[in-house]
Amino acid sequence: QVQLVESGGGLVQAGGSLRLSCAASGSITSIGGMNWYRQAPGKQRELVARITSSGSTNYADSVKGRFTISRDNAKNTEYLQMNSLKPEDTAVYYCNVDLWVGVRYKNYWGQGIQVTVSS
């Protein structure tokens, strides 16, 4: 069994910062790409940021220069540092991870965590 646990969400004023964490646990052999998605009310889920196993990163245009994705492979954890937050960043944020359990490759989702940015 593999579990992804997110933390760090909450309510913040516009211009503020939050740091999300996602810790993977269970019978993990190795972790590949790690991603953060978000879904705002009435909108489709969108990719926010991605980090590969080698540390390469990609960001949605809407968050470039404000958000930073990182990972700690020793802790099986990824992070999303969110600065200069805007009301339009309000959404449920989901971590998403590609990992191997033995020889089985699967994609896992976290339960989601609410981020609310007030104006």
C-alpha atoms as a PDB file:
ATOM      1  CA  GLN A   1       0.000   0.000   0.000  1.00  0.00           C
ATOM      2  CA  VAL A   2       1.136   3.512  -0.814  1.00  0.00           C
ATOM      3  CA  GLN A   3      -0.167   6.654   0.807  1.00  0.00           C
ATOM      4  CA  LEU A   4       0.363  10.309  -0.086  1.00  0.00           C
ATOM      5  CA  VAL A   5      -0.266  12.799   2.709  1.00  0.00           C
ATOM      6  CA  GLU A   6      -0.450  16.509   1.950  1.00  0.00           C
ATOM      7  CA  SER A   7      -0.037  19.315   4.458  1.00  0.00           C
ATOM      8  CA  GLY A   8       0.509  23.059   4.615  1.00  0.00           C
ATOM      9  CA  GLY A   9      -2.656  24.436   3.073  1.00  0.00           C
ATOM     10  CA  GLY A  10      -4.915  27.043   4.583  1.00  0.00           C
ATOM     11  CA  LEU A  11      -6.125  30.614   4.349  1.00  0.00           C
ATOM     12  CA  VAL A  12      -3.745  33.432   3.448  1.00  0.00           C
ATOM     13  CA  GLN A  13      -4.093  37.027   2.306  1.00  0.00           C
ATOM     14  CA  ALA A  14      -3.140  38.061  -1.200  1.00  0.00           C
ATOM     15  CA  GLY A  15       0.603  38.590  -1.432  1.00  0.00           C
ATOM     16  CA  GLY A  16       1.289  36.011   1.246  1.00  0.00           C
ATOM     17  CA  SER A  17       3.036  32.660   1.099  1.00  0.00           C
ATOM     18  CA  LEU A  18       2.309  29.031   1.833  1.00  0.00           C
ATOM     19  CA  ARG A  19       4.396  25.879   1.581  1.00  0.00           C
ATOM     20  CA  LEU A  20       2.701  22.621   0.675  1.00  0.00           C
ATOM     21  CA  SER A  21       4.248  19.251   1.446  1.00  0.00           C
ATOM     22  CA  CYS A  22       3.399  15.787   0.167  1.00  0.00           C
ATOM     23  CA  ALA A  23       4.945  12.765   1.841  1.00  0.00           C
ATOM     24  CA  ALA A  24       4.779   9.348   0.229  1.00  0.00           C
ATOM     25  CA  SER A  25       4.882   6.275   2.420  1.00  0.00           C
ATOM     26  CA  GLY A  26       4.459   2.540   2.062  1.00  0.00           C
ATOM     27  CA  SER A  27       6.173  -0.179   0.079  1.00  0.00           C
ATOM     28  CA  ILE A  28       7.947   2.191  -2.294  1.00  0.00           C
ATOM     29  CA  THR A  29      10.843   0.983  -4.385  1.00  0.00           C
ATOM     30  CA  SER A  30      11.612   4.279  -6.062  1.00  0.00           C
ATOM     31  CA  ILE A  31       9.905   7.518  -7.064  1.00  0.00           C
ATOM     32  CA  GLY A  32       9.912   9.057 -10.505  1.00  0.00           C
ATOM     33  CA  GLY A  33       8.236  12.316 -11.423  1.00  0.00           C
ATOM     34  CA  MET A  34       6.402  14.317  -8.770  1.00  0.00           C
ATOM     35  CA  ASN A  35       3.709  16.833  -9.619  1.00  0.00           C
ATOM     36  CA  TRP A  36       1.309  19.331  -8.127  1.00  0.00           C
ATOM     37  CA  TYR A  37      -2.143  19.886  -9.651  1.00  0.00           C
ATOM     38  CA  ARG A  38      -4.949  22.170  -8.585  1.00  0.00           C
ATOM     39  CA  GLN A  39      -8.657  22.402  -9.173  1.00  0.00           C
ATOM     40  CA  ALA A  40     -10.664  25.553  -8.606  1.00  0.00           C
ATOM     41  CA  PRO A  41     -14.457  25.460  -8.221  1.00  0.00           C
ATOM     42  CA  GLY A  42     -16.120  24.956 -11.584  1.00  0.00           C
ATOM     43  CA  LYS A  43     -12.824  24.456 -13.385  1.00  0.00           C
ATOM     44  CA  GLN A  44     -10.846  21.495 -14.646  1.00  0.00           C
ATOM     45  CA  ARG A  45      -7.886  20.140 -12.737  1.00  0.00           C
ATOM     46  CA  GLU A  46      -4.681  21.679 -14.056  1.00  0.00           C
ATOM     47  CA  LEU A  47      -1.003  20.912 -13.735  1.00  0.00           C
ATOM     48  CA  VAL A  48       0.771  23.525 -11.627  1.00  0.00           C
ATOM     49  CA  ALA A  49       4.331  22.222 -11.431  1.00  0.00           C
ATOM     50  CA  ARG A  50       6.375  19.149 -12.159  1.00  0.00           C
ATOM     51  CA  ILE A  51       9.767  17.890 -11.014  1.00  0.00           C
ATOM     52  CA  THR A  52      11.525  14.885 -12.529  1.00  0.00           C
ATOM     53  CA  SER A  53      13.627  12.343 -10.686  1.00  0.00           C
ATOM     54  CA  SER A  54      16.724  14.232 -11.847  1.00  0.00           C
ATOM     55  CA  GLY A  55      15.400  17.557 -10.569  1.00  0.00           C
ATOM     56  CA  SER A  56      14.239  19.208 -13.783  1.00  0.00           C
ATOM     57  CA  THR A  57      11.218  21.405 -13.264  1.00  0.00           C
ATOM     58  CA  ASN A  58       8.319  22.801 -15.278  1.00  0.00           C
ATOM     59  CA  TYR A  59       5.639  25.286 -14.276  1.00  0.00           C
ATOM     60  CA  ALA A  60       2.310  26.506 -15.531  1.00  0.00           C
ATOM     61  CA  ASP A  61       2.641  29.990 -16.987  1.00  0.00           C
ATOM     62  CA  SER A  62       0.275  31.338 -14.344  1.00  0.00           C
ATOM     63  CA  VAL A  63       2.657  30.458 -11.487  1.00  0.00           C
ATOM     64  CA  LYS A  64       6.091  30.963 -13.057  1.00  0.00           C
ATOM     65  CA  GLY A  65       8.282  33.163 -10.912  1.00  0.00           C
ATOM     66  CA  ARG A  66       5.983  32.775  -7.878  1.00  0.00           C
ATOM     67  CA  PHE A  67       5.909  29.028  -7.145  1.00  0.00           C
ATOM     68  CA  THR A  68       8.838  26.672  -6.636  1.00  0.00           C
ATOM     69  CA  ILE A  69       8.617  22.889  -6.643  1.00  0.00           C
ATOM     70  CA  SER A  70      11.267  20.806  -4.914  1.00  0.00           C
ATOM     71  CA  ARG A  71      11.764  17.308  -3.573  1.00  0.00           C
ATOM     72  CA  ASP A  72      13.646  15.480  -0.847  1.00  0.00           C
ATOM     73  CA  ASN A  73      14.308  11.989  -2.130  1.00  0.00           C
ATOM     74  CA  ALA A  74      15.539  10.749   1.251  1.00  0.00           C
ATOM     75  CA  LYS A  75      12.141  11.633   2.740  1.00  0.00           C
ATOM     76  CA  ASN A  76      10.024  10.678  -0.308  1.00  0.00           C
ATOM     77  CA  THR A  77       8.562  14.157  -0.075  1.00  0.00           C
ATOM     78  CA  GLU A  78       7.803  16.940  -2.503  1.00  0.00           C
ATOM     79  CA  TYR A  79       7.160  20.561  -1.721  1.00  0.00           C
ATOM     80  CA  LEU A  80       5.477  23.527  -3.356  1.00  0.00           C
ATOM     81  CA  GLN A  81       6.584  26.918  -2.126  1.00  0.00           C
ATOM     82  CA  MET A  82       3.944  29.452  -3.129  1.00  0.00           C
ATOM     83  CA  ASN A  83       4.821  33.138  -2.901  1.00  0.00           C
ATOM     84  CA  SER A  84       2.983  36.289  -3.958  1.00  0.00           C
ATOM     85  CA  LEU A  85      -0.280  34.411  -3.798  1.00  0.00           C
ATOM     86  CA  LYS A  86      -3.279  35.761  -5.663  1.00  0.00           C
ATOM     87  CA  PRO A  87      -7.009  35.142  -5.153  1.00  0.00           C
ATOM     88  CA  GLU A  88      -7.008  33.190  -8.426  1.00  0.00           C
ATOM     89  CA  ASP A  89      -4.637  30.671  -6.822  1.00  0.00           C
ATOM     90  CA  THR A  90      -7.525  29.559  -4.617  1.00  0.00           C
ATOM     91  CA  ALA A  91      -8.105  25.864  -5.290  1.00  0.00           C
ATOM     92  CA  VAL A  92      -7.759  22.371  -3.947  1.00  0.00           C
ATOM     93  CA  TYR A  93      -4.151  21.316  -4.535  1.00  0.00           C
ATOM     94  CA  TYR A  94      -3.293  17.693  -5.228  1.00  0.00           C
ATOM     95  CA  CYS A  95       0.068  15.979  -5.201  1.00  0.00           C
ATOM     96  CA  ASN A  96       0.607  13.352  -7.852  1.00  0.00           C
ATOM     97  CA  VAL A  97       3.494  10.913  -7.947  1.00  0.00           C
ATOM     98  CA  ASP A  98       4.843   8.251 -10.303  1.00  0.00           C
ATOM     99  CA  LEU A  99       6.453   5.466  -8.360  1.00  0.00           C
ATOM    100  CA  TRP A 100       7.515   1.836  -8.413  1.00  0.00           C
ATOM    101  CA  VAL A 101       6.323  -0.750  -5.948  1.00  0.00           C
ATOM    102  CA  GLY A 102       8.604  -3.652  -6.762  1.00  0.00           C
ATOM    103  CA  VAL A 103       8.377  -3.933 -10.546  1.00  0.00           C
ATOM    104  CA  ARG A 104       4.938  -2.331 -10.712  1.00  0.00           C
ATOM    105  CA  TYR A 105       4.792   1.251 -11.972  1.00  0.00           C
ATOM    106  CA  LYS A 106       1.818   3.310 -10.896  1.00  0.00           C
ATOM    107  CA  ASN A 107       0.576   6.866 -10.580  1.00  0.00           C
ATOM    108  CA  TYR A 108      -0.829   7.964  -7.233  1.00  0.00           C
ATOM    109  CA  TRP A 109      -2.879  10.955  -6.085  1.00  0.00           C
ATOM    110  CA  GLY A 110      -3.042  12.651  -2.727  1.00  0.00           C
ATOM    111  CA  GLN A 111      -6.370  13.467  -1.099  1.00  0.00           C
ATOM    112  CA  GLY A 112      -6.125  17.165  -1.876  1.00  0.00           C
ATOM    113  CA  ILE A 113      -5.631  20.175   0.353  1.00  0.00           C
ATOM    114  CA  GLN A 114      -7.461  23.490   0.289  1.00  0.00           C
ATOM    115  CA  VAL A 115      -5.614  26.734  -0.396  1.00  0.00           C
ATOM    116  CA  THR A 116      -7.682  29.903  -0.074  1.00  0.00           C
ATOM    117  CA  VAL A 117      -6.277  33.334  -0.916  1.00  0.00           C
ATOM    118  CA  SER A 118      -8.324  36.295   0.246  1.00  0.00           C
ATOM    119  CA  SER A 119      -8.218  39.664  -1.487  1.00  0.00           C
END
